[in-house]
Amino acid sequence: MGARGRVIDVERLAVTDEAFWLANQRHALRNWRFHPATRDGVVVSGAKVPTIYFRLTDC
């Protein structure tokens, strides 16, 4: 994550469906926003390794 709270890079560690990963990487993950980390009151870039579970249901 960059100092402005935007995702700079996304790296896949594991995935069960390649097509689902590609669609979500392009659409959802690139639009995420975070409050940037700070060090001594100054915003800095940082890294996070979240585990994300998706569940599809019929509506």
N, C-alpha and C. Protein backbone atom coordinates (compact mmCIF):
# COMPACT_ATOMS: atom_id res chain seq x y z
N MET A 1 0.84 -1.16 0.00
CA MET A 1 0.00 0.00 0.00
C MET A 1 0.89 1.23 0.00
N GLY A 2 0.49 2.18 -0.81
CA GLY A 2 1.27 3.40 -0.88
C GLY A 2 0.90 4.39 0.21
N ALA A 3 1.65 5.45 0.26
CA ALA A 3 1.44 6.47 1.28
C ALA A 3 0.10 7.18 1.13
N ARG A 4 -0.54 7.06 -0.02
CA ARG A 4 -1.86 7.68 -0.22
C ARG A 4 -3.01 6.71 0.06
N GLY A 5 -2.68 5.51 0.54
CA GLY A 5 -3.72 4.55 0.90
C GLY A 5 -4.22 3.68 -0.24
N ARG A 6 -3.57 3.74 -1.39
CA ARG A 6 -3.98 2.94 -2.53
C ARG A 6 -3.14 1.68 -2.63
N VAL A 7 -3.75 0.64 -3.17
CA VAL A 7 -3.02 -0.60 -3.41
C VAL A 7 -2.05 -0.36 -4.56
N ILE A 8 -0.77 -0.64 -4.33
CA ILE A 8 0.24 -0.45 -5.37
C ILE A 8 0.48 -1.74 -6.13
N ASP A 9 0.48 -2.85 -5.40
CA ASP A 9 0.80 -4.13 -6.01
C ASP A 9 -0.01 -5.22 -5.32
N VAL A 10 -0.46 -6.19 -6.10
CA VAL A 10 -1.19 -7.33 -5.57
C VAL A 10 -0.45 -8.58 -6.00
N GLU A 11 -0.17 -9.45 -5.05
CA GLU A 11 0.51 -10.70 -5.36
C GLU A 11 -0.34 -11.86 -4.87
N ARG A 12 -0.58 -12.78 -5.74
CA ARG A 12 -1.38 -13.96 -5.40
C ARG A 12 -0.48 -14.99 -4.72
N LEU A 13 -0.89 -15.45 -3.56
CA LEU A 13 -0.14 -16.50 -2.87
C LEU A 13 -0.75 -17.87 -3.13
N ALA A 14 -2.06 -17.96 -3.21
CA ALA A 14 -2.75 -19.21 -3.51
C ALA A 14 -4.14 -18.88 -4.03
N VAL A 15 -4.62 -19.71 -4.95
CA VAL A 15 -5.95 -19.49 -5.52
C VAL A 15 -6.49 -20.84 -6.01
N THR A 16 -7.79 -21.02 -5.90
CA THR A 16 -8.38 -22.26 -6.38
C THR A 16 -9.00 -22.11 -7.77
N ASP A 17 -9.28 -20.89 -8.20
CA ASP A 17 -9.89 -20.65 -9.51
C ASP A 17 -9.21 -19.47 -10.17
N GLU A 18 -8.42 -19.73 -11.19
CA GLU A 18 -7.62 -18.70 -11.85
C GLU A 18 -8.49 -17.59 -12.45
N ALA A 19 -9.58 -17.95 -13.12
CA ALA A 19 -10.45 -16.94 -13.75
C ALA A 19 -11.08 -16.03 -12.69
N PHE A 20 -11.51 -16.60 -11.58
CA PHE A 20 -12.09 -15.80 -10.50
C PHE A 20 -11.06 -14.84 -9.94
N TRP A 21 -9.84 -15.30 -9.74
CA TRP A 21 -8.76 -14.44 -9.25
C TRP A 21 -8.53 -13.27 -10.21
N LEU A 22 -8.40 -13.54 -11.49
CA LEU A 22 -8.12 -12.47 -12.46
C LEU A 22 -9.22 -11.43 -12.48
N ALA A 23 -10.47 -11.85 -12.42
CA ALA A 23 -11.59 -10.90 -12.43
C ALA A 23 -11.56 -10.03 -11.17
N ASN A 24 -11.32 -10.61 -10.03
CA ASN A 24 -11.31 -9.85 -8.79
C ASN A 24 -10.09 -8.97 -8.65
N GLN A 25 -8.98 -9.41 -9.16
CA GLN A 25 -7.78 -8.58 -9.10
C GLN A 25 -8.01 -7.28 -9.87
N ARG A 26 -8.58 -7.40 -11.05
CA ARG A 26 -8.82 -6.21 -11.88
C ARG A 26 -9.87 -5.29 -11.29
N HIS A 27 -10.97 -5.83 -10.80
CA HIS A 27 -12.11 -5.01 -10.41
C HIS A 27 -12.14 -4.63 -8.93
N ALA A 28 -12.08 -5.59 -8.06
CA ALA A 28 -12.26 -5.29 -6.63
C ALA A 28 -10.98 -4.85 -5.96
N LEU A 29 -9.94 -5.63 -6.08
CA LEU A 29 -8.72 -5.37 -5.32
C LEU A 29 -8.06 -4.05 -5.69
N ARG A 30 -8.10 -3.67 -6.93
CA ARG A 30 -7.47 -2.41 -7.34
C ARG A 30 -8.23 -1.18 -6.86
N ASN A 31 -9.46 -1.36 -6.42
CA ASN A 31 -10.26 -0.22 -5.93
C ASN A 31 -10.24 -0.08 -4.42
N TRP A 32 -9.59 -0.98 -3.73
CA TRP A 32 -9.51 -0.87 -2.27
C TRP A 32 -8.76 0.37 -1.87
N ARG A 33 -9.18 0.97 -0.75
CA ARG A 33 -8.50 2.13 -0.17
C ARG A 33 -8.28 1.87 1.31
N PHE A 34 -7.17 2.32 1.80
CA PHE A 34 -6.80 2.12 3.20
C PHE A 34 -6.36 3.44 3.79
N HIS A 35 -6.43 3.55 5.10
CA HIS A 35 -5.81 4.68 5.78
C HIS A 35 -4.32 4.38 5.80
N PRO A 36 -3.49 5.25 5.27
CA PRO A 36 -2.06 4.95 5.19
C PRO A 36 -1.43 4.83 6.57
N ALA A 37 -0.39 4.03 6.63
CA ALA A 37 0.38 3.89 7.86
C ALA A 37 1.16 5.19 8.11
N THR A 38 1.48 5.42 9.36
CA THR A 38 2.29 6.60 9.69
C THR A 38 3.47 6.18 10.56
N ARG A 39 4.54 6.92 10.43
CA ARG A 39 5.71 6.75 11.28
C ARG A 39 6.15 8.13 11.72
N ASP A 40 6.11 8.37 13.01
CA ASP A 40 6.43 9.69 13.56
C ASP A 40 5.56 10.78 12.95
N GLY A 41 4.28 10.45 12.69
CA GLY A 41 3.33 11.41 12.16
C GLY A 41 3.41 11.63 10.66
N VAL A 42 4.28 10.90 9.97
CA VAL A 42 4.44 11.04 8.52
C VAL A 42 3.89 9.78 7.85
N VAL A 43 3.06 9.95 6.80
CA VAL A 43 2.52 8.78 6.11
C VAL A 43 3.64 8.05 5.38
N VAL A 44 3.54 6.71 5.41
CA VAL A 44 4.55 5.86 4.78
C VAL A 44 3.86 4.72 4.04
N SER A 45 4.56 4.12 3.10
CA SER A 45 4.07 2.93 2.43
C SER A 45 4.19 1.75 3.38
N GLY A 46 3.38 0.72 3.16
CA GLY A 46 3.44 -0.45 4.01
C GLY A 46 2.97 -1.68 3.26
N ALA A 47 3.01 -2.81 3.91
CA ALA A 47 2.59 -4.08 3.30
C ALA A 47 1.65 -4.81 4.25
N LYS A 48 0.75 -5.57 3.67
CA LYS A 48 -0.21 -6.36 4.45
C LYS A 48 -0.49 -7.63 3.67
N VAL A 49 -0.61 -8.74 4.36
CA VAL A 49 -0.94 -10.00 3.72
C VAL A 49 -2.28 -10.47 4.28
N PRO A 50 -3.40 -10.06 3.64
CA PRO A 50 -4.71 -10.48 4.14
C PRO A 50 -5.10 -11.84 3.55
N THR A 51 -5.92 -12.56 4.27
CA THR A 51 -6.55 -13.76 3.74
C THR A 51 -7.98 -13.38 3.41
N ILE A 52 -8.37 -13.62 2.17
CA ILE A 52 -9.68 -13.20 1.70
C ILE A 52 -10.46 -14.42 1.24
N TYR A 53 -11.65 -14.58 1.78
CA TYR A 53 -12.52 -15.67 1.39
C TYR A 53 -13.72 -15.09 0.65
N PHE A 54 -14.07 -15.69 -0.49
CA PHE A 54 -15.25 -15.30 -1.24
C PHE A 54 -16.24 -16.45 -1.19
N ARG A 55 -17.50 -16.10 -1.06
CA ARG A 55 -18.54 -17.11 -1.08
C ARG A 55 -19.59 -16.65 -2.07
N LEU A 56 -19.86 -17.46 -3.07
CA LEU A 56 -20.88 -17.16 -4.05
C LEU A 56 -22.16 -17.89 -3.66
N THR A 57 -23.26 -17.18 -3.71
CA THR A 57 -24.55 -17.79 -3.40
C THR A 57 -25.54 -17.45 -4.49
N ASP A 58 -26.52 -18.30 -4.67
CA ASP A 58 -27.61 -18.01 -5.61
C ASP A 58 -28.62 -17.13 -4.90
N CYS A 59 -28.99 -16.04 -5.54
CA CYS A 59 -29.96 -15.12 -4.93
C CYS A 59 -31.31 -15.29 -5.57
